[in-house]
Amino acid sequence: GEYRHGRFEPSQALAMALRSDQFQQSITLAADDPRIRRYLSGESIDVSDFNYQGPVLVCVDKWPLGWGKAEGKMLKNRIDKNWRLL
């Protein structure tokens, strides 16, 4: 990752190297959850069923996809643009 604007910004490579149980703020979604497609398309997703603030590791069935930033009930997408669905 990088240290920018006074905070650590985790990289996509770091996300791919972790398991869901290795990062305190991780969200594991089922493979058939419609939020996964929206996340992979670069959209923000509703995470009102979780109570996190700041960086969140987004996983599918405990496999990492990338990062998001939780703000209230929404998770802003932080997945690398090269990894997004078109």
C-alpha atoms as a PDB file:
ATOM      1  CA  GLY A   1       0.000   0.000   0.000  1.00  0.00           C
ATOM      2  CA  GLU A   2       0.901   3.662   0.174  1.00  0.00           C
ATOM      3  CA  TYR A   3       0.914   6.325   2.825  1.00  0.00           C
ATOM      4  CA  ARG A   4      -1.053   9.271   1.378  1.00  0.00           C
ATOM      5  CA  HIS A   5      -2.593  12.365   2.909  1.00  0.00           C
ATOM      6  CA  GLY A   6      -1.782  11.245   6.441  1.00  0.00           C
ATOM      7  CA  ARG A   7      -3.256   7.743   6.182  1.00  0.00           C
ATOM      8  CA  PHE A   8      -2.410   4.289   4.857  1.00  0.00           C
ATOM      9  CA  GLU A   9      -4.099   3.291   1.574  1.00  0.00           C
ATOM     10  CA  PRO A  10      -3.982  -0.517   1.222  1.00  0.00           C
ATOM     11  CA  SER A  11      -3.153  -1.934  -2.219  1.00  0.00           C
ATOM     12  CA  GLN A  12      -4.994  -4.520  -4.308  1.00  0.00           C
ATOM     13  CA  ALA A  13      -1.984  -6.833  -3.913  1.00  0.00           C
ATOM     14  CA  LEU A  14      -2.341  -6.676  -0.116  1.00  0.00           C
ATOM     15  CA  ALA A  15      -6.028  -7.586  -0.376  1.00  0.00           C
ATOM     16  CA  MET A  16      -5.227 -10.605  -2.531  1.00  0.00           C
ATOM     17  CA  ALA A  17      -2.579 -11.801  -0.052  1.00  0.00           C
ATOM     18  CA  LEU A  18      -4.970 -11.814   2.946  1.00  0.00           C
ATOM     19  CA  ARG A  19      -7.667 -14.176   4.144  1.00  0.00           C
ATOM     20  CA  SER A  20     -10.897 -12.830   5.572  1.00  0.00           C
ATOM     21  CA  ASP A  21      -9.831 -13.782   9.114  1.00  0.00           C
ATOM     22  CA  GLN A  22      -6.546 -11.877   8.810  1.00  0.00           C
ATOM     23  CA  PHE A  23      -8.106  -8.402   8.688  1.00  0.00           C
ATOM     24  CA  GLN A  24     -10.319  -7.179  11.495  1.00  0.00           C
ATOM     25  CA  GLN A  25     -12.777  -5.348   9.236  1.00  0.00           C
ATOM     26  CA  SER A  26     -13.729  -7.857   6.555  1.00  0.00           C
ATOM     27  CA  ILE A  27     -17.022  -8.526   4.843  1.00  0.00           C
ATOM     28  CA  THR A  28     -17.670 -12.002   3.481  1.00  0.00           C
ATOM     29  CA  LEU A  29     -20.517 -12.209   0.984  1.00  0.00           C
ATOM     30  CA  ALA A  30     -21.994 -15.358  -0.547  1.00  0.00           C
ATOM     31  CA  ALA A  31     -21.158 -16.023  -4.192  1.00  0.00           C
ATOM     32  CA  ASP A  32     -24.783 -15.424  -5.212  1.00  0.00           C
ATOM     33  CA  ASP A  33     -25.113 -12.076  -3.384  1.00  0.00           C
ATOM     34  CA  PRO A  34     -26.067  -9.379  -5.958  1.00  0.00           C
ATOM     35  CA  ARG A  35     -23.823  -6.853  -4.183  1.00  0.00           C
ATOM     36  CA  ILE A  36     -20.747  -8.670  -5.520  1.00  0.00           C
ATOM     37  CA  ARG A  37     -21.542  -7.809  -9.135  1.00  0.00           C
ATOM     38  CA  ARG A  38     -22.182  -4.169  -8.192  1.00  0.00           C
ATOM     39  CA  TYR A  39     -18.929  -4.054  -6.232  1.00  0.00           C
ATOM     40  CA  LEU A  40     -16.959  -5.558  -9.141  1.00  0.00           C
ATOM     41  CA  SER A  41     -18.572  -2.995 -11.467  1.00  0.00           C
ATOM     42  CA  GLY A  42     -17.163  -0.154  -9.356  1.00  0.00           C
ATOM     43  CA  GLU A  43     -20.360   0.821  -7.537  1.00  0.00           C
ATOM     44  CA  SER A  44     -20.883   1.510  -3.850  1.00  0.00           C
ATOM     45  CA  ILE A  45     -22.839  -1.185  -2.009  1.00  0.00           C
ATOM     46  CA  ASP A  46     -25.146  -1.277   1.007  1.00  0.00           C
ATOM     47  CA  VAL A  47     -23.477  -2.818   4.053  1.00  0.00           C
ATOM     48  CA  SER A  48     -26.058  -1.938   6.694  1.00  0.00           C
ATOM     49  CA  ASP A  49     -25.788  -5.532   7.978  1.00  0.00           C
ATOM     50  CA  PHE A  50     -22.189  -4.746   9.089  1.00  0.00           C
ATOM     51  CA  ASN A  51     -20.990  -2.031  11.462  1.00  0.00           C
ATOM     52  CA  TYR A  52     -17.624  -0.824  10.147  1.00  0.00           C
ATOM     53  CA  GLN A  53     -15.910   2.490   9.456  1.00  0.00           C
ATOM     54  CA  GLY A  54     -12.817   2.922   7.299  1.00  0.00           C
ATOM     55  CA  PRO A  55     -11.030   0.297   5.194  1.00  0.00           C
ATOM     56  CA  VAL A  56     -12.834  -3.020   4.732  1.00  0.00           C
ATOM     57  CA  LEU A  57     -11.603  -6.182   3.028  1.00  0.00           C
ATOM     58  CA  VAL A  58     -14.356  -7.432   0.711  1.00  0.00           C
ATOM     59  CA  CYS A  59     -14.449 -11.226   0.275  1.00  0.00           C
ATOM     60  CA  VAL A  60     -16.579 -13.821  -1.507  1.00  0.00           C
ATOM     61  CA  ASP A  61     -16.925 -17.068   0.405  1.00  0.00           C
ATOM     62  CA  LYS A  62     -13.831 -15.966   2.397  1.00  0.00           C
ATOM     63  CA  TRP A  63     -11.740 -15.327  -0.776  1.00  0.00           C
ATOM     64  CA  PRO A  64     -10.544 -11.702  -1.108  1.00  0.00           C
ATOM     65  CA  LEU A  65     -11.737  -9.412  -3.900  1.00  0.00           C
ATOM     66  CA  GLY A  66     -10.407  -6.029  -2.856  1.00  0.00           C
ATOM     67  CA  TRP A  67     -10.942  -3.032  -0.618  1.00  0.00           C
ATOM     68  CA  GLY A  68     -13.799  -0.762   0.198  1.00  0.00           C
ATOM     69  CA  LYS A  69     -14.212   2.183   2.513  1.00  0.00           C
ATOM     70  CA  ALA A  70     -17.156   1.920   4.897  1.00  0.00           C
ATOM     71  CA  GLU A  71     -18.997   5.163   5.564  1.00  0.00           C
ATOM     72  CA  GLY A  72     -22.180   4.626   7.523  1.00  0.00           C
ATOM     73  CA  LYS A  73     -24.360   2.062   5.779  1.00  0.00           C
ATOM     74  CA  MET A  74     -22.501   2.302   2.454  1.00  0.00           C
ATOM     75  CA  LEU A  75     -19.240   0.804   1.281  1.00  0.00           C
ATOM     76  CA  LYS A  76     -17.446   2.930  -1.276  1.00  0.00           C
ATOM     77  CA  ASN A  77     -15.616   0.862  -3.830  1.00  0.00           C
ATOM     78  CA  ARG A  78     -11.810   0.914  -3.663  1.00  0.00           C
ATOM     79  CA  ILE A  79     -11.122  -1.984  -6.014  1.00  0.00           C
ATOM     80  CA  ASP A  80      -8.372  -1.261  -8.523  1.00  0.00           C
ATOM     81  CA  LYS A  81      -9.900   0.022 -11.783  1.00  0.00           C
ATOM     82  CA  ASN A  82      -8.038  -2.621 -13.766  1.00  0.00           C
ATOM     83  CA  TRP A  83      -9.828  -5.346 -11.782  1.00  0.00           C
ATOM     84  CA  ARG A  84     -13.366  -4.051 -12.409  1.00  0.00           C
ATOM     85  CA  LEU A  85     -16.010  -5.605 -14.639  1.00  0.00           C
ATOM     86  CA  LEU A  86     -16.913  -3.614 -17.718  1.00  0.00           C
END
